[in-house]
Protein backbone atom coordinates (compact mmCIF):
# COMPACT_ATOMS: atom_id res chain seq x y z
CA UNK A 1 1.26 -10.11 15.73
CA UNK A 2 1.07 -11.59 12.26
CA UNK A 3 -2.49 -12.47 11.44
CA UNK A 4 -4.76 -10.65 13.88
CA UNK A 5 -8.23 -10.22 12.42
CA UNK A 6 -9.57 -6.69 12.26
CA UNK A 7 -12.24 -4.76 10.42
CA UNK A 8 -11.27 -2.07 7.96
CA UNK A 9 -12.52 0.04 5.09
CA UNK A 10 -11.11 -0.03 1.56
CA UNK A 11 -8.42 2.44 0.63
CA UNK A 12 -8.46 3.70 -2.92
CA UNK A 13 -5.42 3.64 -5.17
CA UNK A 14 -4.30 4.00 -8.74
CA UNK A 15 -2.87 1.65 -11.33
CA UNK A 16 0.87 1.13 -11.66
CA UNK A 17 3.17 -0.36 -14.34
CA UNK A 18 3.07 -4.00 -15.40
CA UNK A 19 4.08 -6.52 -12.74
CA UNK A 20 7.21 -8.64 -12.76
CA UNK A 21 7.49 -12.31 -13.61
CA UNK A 22 6.22 -14.93 -11.20
CA UNK A 23 8.24 -17.49 -9.29
CA UNK A 24 7.87 -19.98 -12.11
CA UNK A 25 10.43 -18.20 -14.27
CA UNK A 26 13.18 -18.80 -11.72
CA UNK A 27 15.64 -21.70 -11.81
CA UNK A 28 16.43 -23.72 -8.73
CA UNK A 29 18.38 -26.37 -6.85
CA UNK A 30 18.90 -28.05 -3.48
CA UNK A 31 18.95 -26.49 -0.04
CA UNK A 32 21.98 -25.56 2.07
CA UNK A 33 22.70 -24.53 5.64
CA UNK A 34 25.15 -21.64 5.89
CA UNK A 35 25.22 -20.58 9.55
CA UNK A 36 27.20 -22.20 12.33
CA UNK A 37 25.10 -24.32 14.65
CA UNK A 38 25.41 -24.32 18.39
CA UNK A 39 27.21 -27.29 19.85
CA UNK A 40 25.34 -29.78 22.05
CA UNK A 41 26.88 -31.29 25.15
CA UNK A 42 26.28 -35.03 25.19
CA UNK A 43 28.01 -38.34 25.59
CA UNK A 44 29.64 -40.03 22.61
CA UNK A 45 26.64 -42.30 22.05
CA UNK A 46 24.21 -39.40 22.12
CA UNK A 47 26.37 -37.38 19.73
CA UNK A 48 26.50 -40.31 17.31
CA UNK A 49 22.75 -40.79 17.55
CA UNK A 50 22.18 -37.07 17.04
CA UNK A 51 24.36 -37.03 13.93
CA UNK A 52 22.47 -40.04 12.59
CA UNK A 53 19.08 -38.47 13.32
CA UNK A 54 19.96 -35.19 11.62
CA UNK A 55 21.68 -36.93 8.72
CA UNK A 56 18.74 -39.24 8.04
CA UNK A 57 16.28 -36.36 8.27
CA UNK A 58 18.29 -34.18 5.92
CA UNK A 59 18.81 -36.97 3.39
CA UNK A 60 15.14 -37.91 3.27
CA UNK A 61 14.09 -34.26 3.06
CA UNK A 62 16.53 -33.62 0.22
CA UNK A 63 15.09 -36.60 -1.63
CA UNK A 64 11.59 -35.20 -1.15
CA UNK A 65 12.69 -31.87 -2.57
CA UNK A 66 14.39 -33.47 -5.55
CA UNK A 67 11.54 -35.81 -6.40
CA UNK A 68 8.61 -33.61 -5.40
CA UNK A 69 5.65 -34.60 -3.28
CA UNK A 70 2.82 -32.55 -4.77
CA UNK A 71 0.92 -32.58 -8.04
CA UNK A 72 0.78 -29.86 -10.65
CA UNK A 73 2.80 -29.29 -13.82
CA UNK A 74 3.02 -25.51 -14.08
CA UNK A 75 6.82 -25.38 -14.22
CA UNK A 76 8.79 -26.82 -17.10
CA UNK A 77 11.75 -26.95 -14.71
CA UNK A 78 11.13 -27.75 -11.06
CA UNK A 79 12.00 -24.93 -8.71
CA UNK A 80 13.78 -26.18 -5.63
CA UNK A 81 13.65 -24.15 -2.47
CA UNK A 82 16.45 -23.21 -0.11
CA UNK A 83 16.80 -24.65 3.38
CA UNK A 84 18.40 -22.17 5.81
CA UNK A 85 20.19 -23.14 9.01
CA UNK A 86 17.91 -24.04 11.87
CA UNK A 87 17.40 -22.09 15.05
CA UNK A 88 20.30 -23.34 17.22
CA UNK A 89 17.88 -24.17 20.03
CA UNK A 90 16.20 -26.68 17.72
CA UNK A 91 19.39 -28.73 17.73
CA UNK A 92 19.57 -28.41 21.49
CA UNK A 93 16.09 -29.92 21.65
CA UNK A 94 17.03 -32.69 19.23
CA UNK A 95 20.04 -33.54 21.39
CA UNK A 96 17.89 -33.68 24.52
CA UNK A 97 15.40 -35.96 22.78
CA UNK A 98 18.19 -38.26 21.65
CA UNK A 99 19.66 -38.48 25.14
CA UNK A 100 16.19 -39.33 26.46
CA UNK A 101 15.85 -42.12 23.89
CA UNK A 102 12.96 -40.35 22.12
CA UNK A 103 14.35 -41.00 18.68
CA UNK A 104 11.08 -40.72 16.78
CA UNK A 105 10.49 -37.21 18.16
CA UNK A 106 14.12 -36.32 17.48
CA UNK A 107 13.84 -37.41 13.86
CA UNK A 108 10.59 -35.48 13.52
CA UNK A 109 12.06 -32.22 14.77
CA UNK A 110 15.15 -32.78 12.62
CA UNK A 111 13.00 -33.33 9.54
CA UNK A 112 11.02 -30.20 10.34
CA UNK A 113 14.09 -27.96 10.58
CA UNK A 114 15.67 -29.44 7.43
CA UNK A 115 12.62 -28.54 5.34
CA UNK A 116 12.90 -25.44 3.10
CA UNK A 117 11.71 -22.31 4.86
CA UNK A 118 12.14 -18.57 4.79
CA UNK A 119 15.09 -16.55 6.03
CA UNK A 120 13.90 -13.56 8.06
CA UNK A 121 15.56 -10.15 8.12
CA UNK A 122 14.17 -7.88 10.84
CA UNK A 123 16.49 -4.88 10.93
CA UNK A 124 18.88 -6.02 13.64
CA UNK A 125 22.35 -4.66 12.99
CA UNK A 126 23.45 -1.87 10.69
CA UNK A 127 22.71 -1.50 6.98
CA UNK A 128 26.05 -3.00 6.04
CA UNK A 129 25.37 -6.13 8.04
CA UNK A 130 22.03 -6.77 6.32
CA UNK A 131 23.68 -6.34 2.94
CA UNK A 132 26.36 -8.88 3.85
CA UNK A 133 23.91 -11.36 5.36
CA UNK A 134 21.51 -11.16 2.43
CA UNK A 135 24.42 -11.58 0.03
CA UNK A 136 25.59 -14.64 1.93
CA UNK A 137 22.15 -16.25 1.82
CA UNK A 138 21.56 -15.68 -1.89
CA UNK A 139 25.13 -16.69 -2.70
CA UNK A 140 24.87 -19.93 -0.74
CA UNK A 141 21.50 -20.68 -2.32
CA UNK A 142 22.91 -20.03 -5.79
CA UNK A 143 25.75 -22.45 -5.14
CA UNK A 144 23.16 -25.10 -4.39
CA UNK A 145 20.98 -23.99 -7.33
CA UNK A 146 18.20 -23.22 -4.85
CA UNK A 147 15.70 -20.40 -4.59
CA UNK A 148 15.89 -18.59 -1.23
CA UNK A 149 12.74 -17.13 0.33
CA UNK A 150 13.55 -13.84 2.07
CA UNK A 151 11.01 -12.48 4.57
CA UNK A 152 11.68 -8.77 5.09
CA UNK A 153 10.23 -7.52 8.36
CA UNK A 154 11.49 -4.07 9.29
CA UNK A 155 8.81 -1.55 8.30
CA UNK A 156 8.33 1.29 10.81
CA UNK A 157 5.58 0.57 13.34
CA UNK A 158 5.38 -3.09 12.43
CA UNK A 159 2.86 -5.26 14.27
CA UNK A 160 1.18 -2.14 15.70
CA UNK A 161 3.93 -2.14 18.37
CA UNK A 162 2.70 -5.42 19.89
CA UNK A 163 4.41 -8.83 20.30
CA UNK A 164 6.65 -8.44 17.24
CA UNK A 165 7.14 -4.71 17.68
CA UNK A 166 10.17 -3.00 16.23
CA UNK A 167 11.19 -1.99 12.77
CA UNK A 168 13.03 0.98 11.34
CA UNK A 169 12.73 4.28 13.18
CA UNK A 170 11.39 6.21 10.21
CA UNK A 171 10.89 6.16 6.46
CA UNK A 172 14.40 7.36 5.65
CA UNK A 173 15.96 4.62 7.74
CA UNK A 174 13.70 2.01 6.15
CA UNK A 175 14.38 3.05 2.56
CA UNK A 176 18.12 2.97 3.25
CA UNK A 177 17.73 -0.54 4.70
CA UNK A 178 15.78 -1.72 1.64
CA UNK A 179 18.49 -0.30 -0.60
CA UNK A 180 21.08 -2.38 1.26
CA UNK A 181 18.91 -5.50 0.96
CA UNK A 182 18.75 -4.89 -2.79
CA UNK A 183 22.52 -4.52 -2.98
CA UNK A 184 22.88 -7.79 -1.12
CA UNK A 185 20.62 -9.63 -3.56
CA UNK A 186 22.16 -8.11 -6.67
CA UNK A 187 21.62 -10.20 -9.77
CA UNK A 188 21.05 -13.45 -7.92
CA UNK A 189 17.67 -15.12 -7.60
CA UNK A 190 15.40 -14.57 -4.61
CA UNK A 191 11.73 -14.69 -3.68
CA UNK A 192 10.85 -11.79 -1.38
CA UNK A 193 7.94 -11.96 1.05
CA UNK A 194 7.68 -8.24 1.69
CA UNK A 195 6.76 -7.09 5.19
CA UNK A 196 4.20 -9.43 6.79
CA UNK A 197 1.19 -7.47 8.12
CA UNK A 198 2.33 -4.28 6.41
CA UNK A 199 -0.87 -3.89 4.36
CA UNK A 200 -3.35 -5.98 6.33
CA UNK A 201 -2.43 -4.13 9.54
CA UNK A 202 -1.92 -0.48 8.65
CA UNK A 203 -1.22 2.17 11.30
CA UNK A 204 -4.79 3.40 10.77
CA UNK A 205 -6.11 -0.03 11.74
CA UNK A 206 -4.69 0.04 15.25
CA UNK A 207 -5.13 3.63 16.38
CA UNK A 208 -1.54 4.69 15.75
CA UNK A 209 -2.33 7.28 13.08
CA UNK A 210 -3.53 10.87 13.20
CA UNK A 211 -6.67 12.22 11.54
CA UNK A 212 -4.76 13.02 8.36
CA UNK A 213 -3.46 9.45 8.01
CA UNK A 214 0.17 10.55 8.10
CA UNK A 215 1.63 7.21 9.19
CA UNK A 216 -0.55 5.21 6.82
CA UNK A 217 0.54 7.39 3.91
CA UNK A 218 4.13 6.82 5.00
CA UNK A 219 3.53 3.06 5.08
CA UNK A 220 2.44 3.09 1.45
CA UNK A 221 5.49 5.15 0.49
CA UNK A 222 7.74 2.69 2.31
CA UNK A 223 6.22 -0.36 0.65
CA UNK A 224 6.19 1.47 -2.68
CA UNK A 225 9.91 2.15 -2.43
CA UNK A 226 10.57 -1.49 -1.57
CA UNK A 227 8.51 -2.65 -4.55
CA UNK A 228 10.21 -0.23 -6.93
CA UNK A 229 13.69 -1.18 -5.70
CA UNK A 230 13.37 -4.94 -5.32
CA UNK A 231 11.12 -5.70 -8.29
CA UNK A 232 13.67 -3.98 -10.54
CA UNK A 233 16.30 -6.59 -9.68
CA UNK A 234 16.68 -9.11 -12.53
CA UNK A 235 16.34 -12.27 -10.45
CA UNK A 236 14.00 -11.14 -7.68
CA UNK A 237 10.30 -11.95 -7.40
CA UNK A 238 8.27 -9.90 -4.91
CA UNK A 239 4.96 -10.77 -3.21
CA UNK A 240 2.93 -8.33 -1.09
CA UNK A 241 1.06 -8.91 2.16
CA UNK A 242 -2.65 -9.75 1.80
CA UNK A 243 -3.36 -11.08 5.29
CA UNK A 244 -5.38 -14.28 5.28
CA UNK A 245 -8.80 -15.67 4.52
CA UNK A 246 -10.39 -14.84 7.89
CA UNK A 247 -9.26 -11.24 8.08
CA UNK A 248 -10.06 -8.66 5.40
CA UNK A 249 -12.81 -9.07 2.86
CA UNK A 250 -11.71 -9.09 -0.76
CA UNK A 251 -13.01 -5.57 -1.37
CA UNK A 252 -10.96 -4.31 1.58
CA UNK A 253 -7.57 -5.85 0.84
CA UNK A 254 -7.57 -5.30 -2.94
CA UNK A 255 -7.41 -1.47 -2.83
CA UNK A 256 -4.51 -1.73 -0.39
CA UNK A 257 -2.62 -4.03 -2.73
CA UNK A 258 -3.28 -1.73 -5.67
CA UNK A 259 -2.12 1.35 -3.80
CA UNK A 260 1.03 -0.51 -2.71
CA UNK A 261 1.97 -1.30 -6.31
CA UNK A 262 0.96 -4.95 -6.69
CA UNK A 263 1.00 -4.74 -10.49
CA UNK A 264 4.76 -4.28 -10.40
CA UNK A 265 5.15 -7.51 -8.42
CA UNK A 266 4.33 -11.17 -8.97
CA UNK A 267 1.31 -10.85 -6.67
CA UNK A 268 0.62 -11.41 -2.99
CA UNK A 269 1.09 -13.89 -0.17
CA UNK A 270 -1.41 -15.29 2.32
CA UNK A 271 -1.41 -16.75 5.83
CA UNK A 272 2.08 -15.66 6.90
CA UNK A 273 2.56 -17.06 10.42
CA UNK A 274 -1.09 -18.08 10.60
CA UNK A 275 -3.11 -21.29 10.57
CA UNK A 276 -5.90 -20.98 7.99
CA UNK A 277 -6.71 -24.09 5.92
CA UNK A 278 -5.47 -24.73 2.39
CA UNK A 279 -8.97 -24.75 0.92
CA UNK A 280 -9.81 -21.37 2.48
CA UNK A 281 -6.56 -19.86 1.28
CA UNK A 282 -6.78 -21.16 -2.27
CA UNK A 283 -10.32 -19.85 -2.66
CA UNK A 284 -9.50 -16.49 -1.09
CA UNK A 285 -6.41 -16.19 -3.27
CA UNK A 286 -8.46 -16.88 -6.39
CA UNK A 287 -10.98 -14.20 -5.42
CA UNK A 288 -8.33 -11.61 -4.57
CA UNK A 289 -6.49 -12.33 -7.81
CA UNK A 290 -9.65 -11.96 -9.88
CA UNK A 291 -10.68 -8.79 -8.09
CA UNK A 292 -7.22 -7.32 -8.58
CA UNK A 293 -7.41 -7.86 -12.32
CA UNK A 294 -10.91 -6.38 -12.38
CA UNK A 295 -9.77 -3.34 -10.37
CA UNK A 296 -6.56 -2.76 -12.33
CA UNK A 297 -8.68 -2.76 -15.50
CA UNK A 298 -10.82 0.04 -14.07
CA UNK A 299 -13.47 -1.93 -12.18
CA UNK A 300 -14.82 -1.20 -8.71
CA UNK A 301 -13.39 -3.52 -6.01
CA UNK A 302 -16.59 -3.05 -4.02
CA UNK A 303 -18.38 -5.10 -6.69
CA UNK A 304 -16.12 -8.13 -6.19
CA UNK A 305 -17.42 -11.20 -4.33
CA UNK A 306 -15.66 -11.94 -1.08
CA UNK A 307 -14.78 -15.16 0.71
CA UNK A 308 -18.18 -15.29 2.40
CA UNK A 309 -20.15 -15.03 -0.86
CA UNK A 310 -21.83 -18.22 -2.08
CA UNK A 311 -19.17 -19.96 -4.14
CA UNK A 312 -21.43 -20.62 -7.11
CA UNK A 313 -22.34 -16.93 -7.25
CA UNK A 314 -18.68 -15.98 -6.91
CA UNK A 315 -17.66 -18.32 -9.72
CA UNK A 316 -20.32 -16.80 -11.95
CA UNK A 317 -18.96 -13.32 -11.22
CA UNK A 318 -15.40 -14.43 -11.99
CA UNK A 319 -16.51 -15.99 -15.27
CA UNK A 320 -18.23 -12.77 -16.31
CA UNK A 321 -15.59 -10.28 -15.16
CA UNK A 322 -12.16 -11.91 -15.18
CA UNK A 323 -10.07 -13.22 -18.05
CA UNK A 324 -9.59 -17.00 -18.02
CA UNK A 325 -5.87 -16.55 -18.77
CA UNK A 326 -3.95 -16.87 -15.47
CA UNK A 327 -0.98 -15.01 -16.94
CA UNK A 328 -3.10 -11.84 -16.93
CA UNK A 329 -3.79 -12.03 -13.19
CA UNK A 330 -1.63 -11.45 -10.11
CA UNK A 331 -0.56 -14.76 -8.57
CA UNK A 332 -0.18 -15.75 -4.93
CA UNK A 333 1.81 -17.94 -2.56
CA UNK A 334 0.66 -19.34 0.79
CA UNK A 335 2.28 -20.15 4.12
CA UNK A 336 1.54 -23.77 5.01
CA UNK A 337 4.12 -24.11 7.77
CA UNK A 338 1.61 -24.63 10.60
CA UNK A 339 -1.83 -25.10 9.05
CA UNK A 340 -1.97 -28.89 8.93
CA UNK A 341 -4.79 -28.98 11.49
CA UNK A 342 -6.27 -25.68 10.38
CA UNK A 343 -7.16 -22.85 12.78
CA UNK A 344 -7.78 -23.22 16.50
CA UNK A 345 -11.33 -22.75 17.75
CA UNK A 346 -11.36 -22.44 21.55
CA UNK A 347 -14.64 -22.79 23.39
CA UNK A 348 -16.78 -19.67 23.37
CA UNK A 349 -15.98 -17.27 26.24
CA UNK A 350 -13.13 -19.49 27.42
CA UNK A 351 -10.70 -16.56 27.28
CA UNK A 352 -11.31 -12.79 27.27
CA UNK A 353 -9.28 -12.56 24.04
CA UNK A 354 -8.59 -16.00 22.52
CA UNK A 355 -5.69 -14.77 20.33
CA UNK A 356 -6.23 -17.75 18.04
CA UNK A 357 -3.16 -16.69 16.03
CA UNK A 358 -0.81 -16.81 19.03
CA UNK A 359 0.75 -20.21 19.78
CA UNK A 360 -2.57 -22.09 19.54
CA UNK A 361 -2.27 -25.58 21.03
CA UNK A 362 -2.35 -28.87 19.13
CA UNK A 363 -1.63 -27.49 15.65
CA UNK A 364 0.37 -29.38 13.03
CA UNK A 365 2.80 -28.83 10.20
CA UNK A 366 1.08 -28.33 6.86
CA UNK A 367 1.88 -29.34 3.31
CA UNK A 368 5.57 -29.34 2.52
CA UNK A 369 6.97 -26.42 0.51
CA UNK A 370 6.65 -26.78 -3.25
CA UNK A 371 6.15 -24.77 -6.42
CA UNK A 372 4.00 -27.54 -7.86
CA UNK A 373 0.56 -26.65 -6.55
CA UNK A 374 -1.63 -27.74 -9.46
CA UNK A 375 -3.22 -24.27 -9.57
CA UNK A 376 -1.96 -21.82 -12.22
CA UNK A 377 -2.62 -18.84 -9.94
CA UNK A 378 -1.01 -20.43 -6.87
CA UNK A 379 2.73 -20.13 -7.43
CA UNK A 380 3.94 -21.94 -4.32
CA UNK A 381 3.27 -23.32 -0.90
CA UNK A 382 5.99 -22.04 1.39
CA UNK A 383 7.02 -22.28 5.00
CA UNK A 384 7.25 -18.54 5.67
CA UNK A 385 6.96 -18.73 9.45
CA UNK A 386 9.73 -20.79 11.05
CA UNK A 387 7.80 -23.70 12.62
CA UNK A 388 8.86 -24.19 16.22
CA UNK A 389 9.47 -20.50 16.88
CA UNK A 390 7.06 -18.77 19.26
CA UNK A 391 4.43 -16.22 18.20
CA UNK A 392 4.96 -14.34 21.45
CA UNK A 393 4.07 -14.41 25.14
CA UNK A 394 0.36 -15.09 24.70
CA UNK A 395 -1.91 -13.99 27.56
CA UNK A 396 -5.32 -14.27 25.82
CA UNK A 397 -6.72 -11.26 27.63
CA UNK A 398 -5.63 -12.37 31.09
CA UNK A 399 -3.11 -10.73 33.42
CA UNK A 400 -0.66 -13.60 32.90
CA UNK A 401 2.17 -14.31 33.05
CA UNK A 402 1.14 -17.81 31.94
CA UNK A 403 -0.57 -18.65 28.68
CA UNK A 404 -3.90 -19.99 30.02
CA UNK A 405 -4.26 -22.34 27.04
CA UNK A 406 -0.97 -24.03 27.89
CA UNK A 407 -0.30 -23.42 31.58
CA UNK A 408 3.20 -22.18 30.78
CA UNK A 409 4.90 -18.88 30.05
CA UNK A 410 5.38 -18.83 26.30
CA UNK A 411 8.77 -17.74 24.92
CA UNK A 412 9.00 -14.26 23.38
CA UNK A 413 8.27 -13.94 19.67
CA UNK A 414 10.91 -15.64 17.57
CA UNK A 415 12.36 -17.78 20.37
CA UNK A 416 12.35 -21.56 20.07
CA UNK A 417 9.31 -23.18 21.69
CA UNK A 418 10.04 -26.91 22.28
CA UNK A 419 6.49 -27.77 23.36
CA UNK A 420 5.00 -26.27 20.22
CA UNK A 421 7.69 -27.81 18.02
CA UNK A 422 6.71 -31.30 19.19
CA UNK A 423 3.02 -30.56 18.69
CA UNK A 424 3.65 -29.45 15.12
CA UNK A 425 5.67 -32.57 14.36
CA UNK A 426 3.26 -35.02 15.96
CA UNK A 427 0.18 -33.42 14.37
CA UNK A 428 1.66 -32.86 10.91
CA UNK A 429 -0.74 -33.22 7.97
CA UNK A 430 0.42 -35.01 5.91
CA UNK A 431 2.36 -36.92 8.58
CA UNK A 432 6.12 -36.77 8.71
CA UNK A 433 7.62 -40.09 7.78
CA UNK A 434 9.45 -41.74 10.70
């Protein structure tokens, strides 16, 4: 359940060695699809139209990536992000739209799935298979001179055993898995989004831990091993989970990042699989970055302003306590895959538990992925969550089985959700070009 809001207390931690380079030191190129796509049964005319739709979408998207669509001049060389193969069911949907003559929708979905986005690794298969699959992704990306975004999602007890439950059985299994991921990456370039929800949703936050905090301590050891192993790779940049702007206060998330070893990484990521607005995220990221520097220099994170502090007061604190040199601060990346319309605000008391993070209706694609953000602390906007894939079978506190906000049974987490895919395309901000 990436992005559930909870309350929590800070967890103390110590300083660690100097962090690795940020994304901006990595070279790049165009995207590439490496996995076989499922065939679509259709007449000859529909097949031709489908090929044209996908070809046009891919060509236009490649041109966008080559020319850039966002401002900002942080990189001397433009980093280009990798486009993985789409969920096969996305192409099934495109084919159905073509056969129905809904070409505009078909082009929209095709453009969405040919936009750079993360490749997720969730622990399915044995250690050897993850090594081979990671190696294939980074190798294919390197051939295209592209930077792949790898979302690693296999920590024990992930998602507090809810919609996206799973993960390695124990710490030993997880560390072995991370070691195989590292072998798969090798010396090639990769951006790693390490374990969504792993720090914002600790075992102690959801009643899974004992009084001694055994599982939470194990979580920090697991993330620490991943940081130590992956950040040591010559071409790999690692970002840690920091939740999002409507979850933890700054003084709560910063000690978790410090204890997890953020100083050995490029920084942190925000909004993975969530819907918070760009303005919220950029401001929250700036505050977390400043508080991290303050804390790593020996300051008290409890003294840092949070996202609810008056912005003028917060800016004054930053000016007095944080170096103006962005290279001295941890950086951040954000997930803009589905935040074009911002968060969903259902009517008060409409549902027992609104689950505003779970397949909210009428959301839209956000800003396209780029490393040119115009903010020296903000390394990239990424599509971490695969837009069009379900967040889970959302019940919103009811007995179900239907999602009361949609009147349908939502697909399980990670399955293609055609209704939501069309909503994201039609409500995209900025709009997708026809």
